[in-house]
C-alpha atoms as a PDB file:
ATOM      1  CA  MET A   1     147.119 167.973  93.374  1.00  0.00           C
ATOM      2  CA  LYS A   2     149.828 166.251  91.445  1.00  0.00           C
ATOM      3  CA  GLY A   3     151.386 168.511  88.845  1.00  0.00           C
ATOM      4  CA  LEU A   4     149.926 171.752  90.227  1.00  0.00           C
ATOM      5  CA  ARG A   5     152.638 174.353  90.647  1.00  0.00           C
ATOM      6  CA  VAL A   6     152.477 177.679  92.405  1.00  0.00           C
ATOM      7  CA  GLU A   7     153.844 179.436  89.321  1.00  0.00           C
ATOM      8  CA  ASP A   8     150.905 178.185  87.263  1.00  0.00           C
ATOM      9  CA  SER A   9     148.348 179.535  89.701  1.00  0.00           C
ATOM     10  CA  TYR A  10     150.123 182.902  89.804  1.00  0.00           C
ATOM     11  CA  ALA A  11     150.184 183.020  86.013  1.00  0.00           C
ATOM     12  CA  LYS A  12     146.459 182.228  85.802  1.00  0.00           C
ATOM     13  CA  ALA A  13     145.689 184.850  88.421  1.00  0.00           C
ATOM     14  CA  ALA A  14     147.721 187.405  86.454  1.00  0.00           C
ATOM     15  CA  VAL A  15     145.834 186.509  83.258  1.00  0.00           C
ATOM     16  CA  TYR A  16     142.449 186.929  84.929  1.00  0.00           C
ATOM     17  CA  ILE A  17     143.485 190.173  86.603  1.00  0.00           C
ATOM     18  CA  GLY A  18     144.798 191.464  83.276  1.00  0.00           C
ATOM     19  CA  ALA A  19     141.562 190.527  81.529  1.00  0.00           C
ATOM     20  CA  ALA A  20     139.522 192.238  84.230  1.00  0.00           C
ATOM     21  CA  LEU A  21     141.634 195.379  84.023  1.00  0.00           C
ATOM     22  CA  ALA A  22     141.455 195.428  80.230  1.00  0.00           C
ATOM     23  CA  MET A  23     137.684 195.185  80.321  1.00  0.00           C
ATOM     24  CA  GLY A  24     137.211 197.558  83.251  1.00  0.00           C
ATOM     25  CA  LEU A  25     139.567 200.311  82.159  1.00  0.00           C
ATOM     26  CA  GLY A  26     138.734 199.803  78.509  1.00  0.00           C
ATOM     27  CA  SER A  27     135.069 200.508  79.094  1.00  0.00           C
ATOM     28  CA  VAL A  28     135.543 203.752  81.046  1.00  0.00           C
ATOM     29  CA  GLY A  29     136.563 205.812  78.007  1.00  0.00           C
ATOM     30  CA  PRO A  30     133.703 204.667  75.768  1.00  0.00           C
ATOM     31  CA  ALA A  31     131.201 205.229  78.574  1.00  0.00           C
ATOM     32  CA  LEU A  32     132.357 208.805  79.058  1.00  0.00           C
ATOM     33  CA  GLY A  33     132.433 209.360  75.310  1.00  0.00           C
ATOM     34  CA  GLN A  34     128.907 208.069  74.858  1.00  0.00           C
ATOM     35  CA  GLY A  35     127.665 210.315  77.633  1.00  0.00           C
ATOM     36  CA  LEU A  36     129.269 213.356  76.056  1.00  0.00           C
ATOM     37  CA  ILE A  37     127.901 212.472  72.619  1.00  0.00           C
ATOM     38  CA  GLY A  38     124.394 212.130  74.026  1.00  0.00           C
ATOM     39  CA  MET A  39     124.703 215.370  75.963  1.00  0.00           C
ATOM     40  CA  LYS A  40     125.853 217.375  72.957  1.00  0.00           C
ATOM     41  CA  ALA A  41     123.206 215.805  70.718  1.00  0.00           C
ATOM     42  CA  CYS A  42     120.473 216.798  73.176  1.00  0.00           C
ATOM     43  CA  GLU A  43     121.865 220.321  73.360  1.00  0.00           C
ATOM     44  CA  SER A  44     121.954 220.578  69.569  1.00  0.00           C
ATOM     45  CA  ILE A  45     118.408 219.274  69.195  1.00  0.00           C
ATOM     46  CA  GLY A  46     117.272 221.794  71.802  1.00  0.00           C
ATOM     47  CA  LYS A  47     118.894 224.636  69.883  1.00  0.00           C
ATOM     48  CA  HIS A  48     117.910 223.458  66.386  1.00  0.00           C
ATOM     49  CA  PRO A  49     114.813 221.243  66.576  1.00  0.00           C
ATOM     50  CA  GLU A  50     114.286 221.377  62.818  1.00  0.00           C
ATOM     51  CA  SER A  51     117.446 219.341  62.221  1.00  0.00           C
ATOM     52  CA  ALA A  52     116.706 216.670  64.839  1.00  0.00           C
ATOM     53  CA  SER A  53     116.725 213.770  62.371  1.00  0.00           C
ATOM     54  CA  ASN A  54     120.162 214.714  61.020  1.00  0.00           C
ATOM     55  CA  ILE A  55     121.551 215.142  64.523  1.00  0.00           C
ATOM     56  CA  LYS A  56     120.089 211.811  65.625  1.00  0.00           C
ATOM     57  CA  THR A  57     121.608 210.010  62.660  1.00  0.00           C
ATOM     58  CA  THR A  58     125.011 211.545  63.298  1.00  0.00           C
ATOM     59  CA  MET A  59     124.750 210.705  66.990  1.00  0.00           C
ATOM     60  CA  ILE A  60     124.004 207.044  66.273  1.00  0.00           C
ATOM     61  CA  MET A  61     126.972 206.831  63.886  1.00  0.00           C
ATOM     62  CA  ALA A  62     129.277 208.392  66.495  1.00  0.00           C
ATOM     63  CA  LEU A  63     127.979 206.074  69.228  1.00  0.00           C
ATOM     64  CA  SER A  64     128.681 203.035  67.091  1.00  0.00           C
ATOM     65  CA  LEU A  65     132.251 204.197  66.464  1.00  0.00           C
ATOM     66  CA  VAL A  66     132.846 204.837  70.163  1.00  0.00           C
ATOM     67  CA  GLU A  67     131.408 201.456  71.120  1.00  0.00           C
ATOM     68  CA  THR A  68     133.910 199.580  68.951  1.00  0.00           C
ATOM     69  CA  SER A  69     136.760 200.320  71.357  1.00  0.00           C
ATOM     70  CA  ALA A  70     134.827 198.685  74.199  1.00  0.00           C
ATOM     71  CA  ILE A  71     134.144 195.696  71.957  1.00  0.00           C
ATOM     72  CA  TYR A  72     137.868 195.437  71.161  1.00  0.00           C
ATOM     73  CA  CYS A  73     138.654 195.416  74.887  1.00  0.00           C
ATOM     74  CA  PHE A  74     136.091 192.669  75.378  1.00  0.00           C
ATOM     75  CA  ILE A  75     137.660 190.598  72.594  1.00  0.00           C
ATOM     76  CA  VAL A  76     141.144 191.058  74.069  1.00  0.00           C
ATOM     77  CA  SER A  77     139.838 189.958  77.469  1.00  0.00           C
ATOM     78  CA  LEU A  78     138.254 186.858  75.962  1.00  0.00           C
ATOM     79  CA  ILE A  79     141.449 185.989  74.095  1.00  0.00           C
ATOM     80  CA  LEU A  80     143.449 186.356  77.289  1.00  0.00           C
ATOM     81  CA  MET A  81     141.119 184.096  79.234  1.00  0.00           C
ATOM     82  CA  VAL A  82     140.699 181.446  76.540  1.00  0.00           C
ATOM     83  CA  LYS A  83     144.288 181.233  75.333  1.00  0.00           C
ATOM     84  CA  PHE A  84     146.172 181.717  78.601  1.00  0.00           C
ATOM     85  CA  GLY A  85     143.572 181.050  81.306  1.00  0.00           C
END
């Protein structure tokens, strides 16, 4: 236990808590956005079945854009844990 300071353990705990919050709160928005995109795409396909392929393509593009914010949160969490943890 030589060299272990209380300040270091508090700092590591703060880093891990910050990483967990970044990942947890950063994934709530994309999850809600993806649900809304899927809901509206299903509604549109129900109303206009002849344009289902166009709607599906647009939905997949929108889902990929929404997912990038969750990926950025994941990368920030990893950087926090690797660099400061």
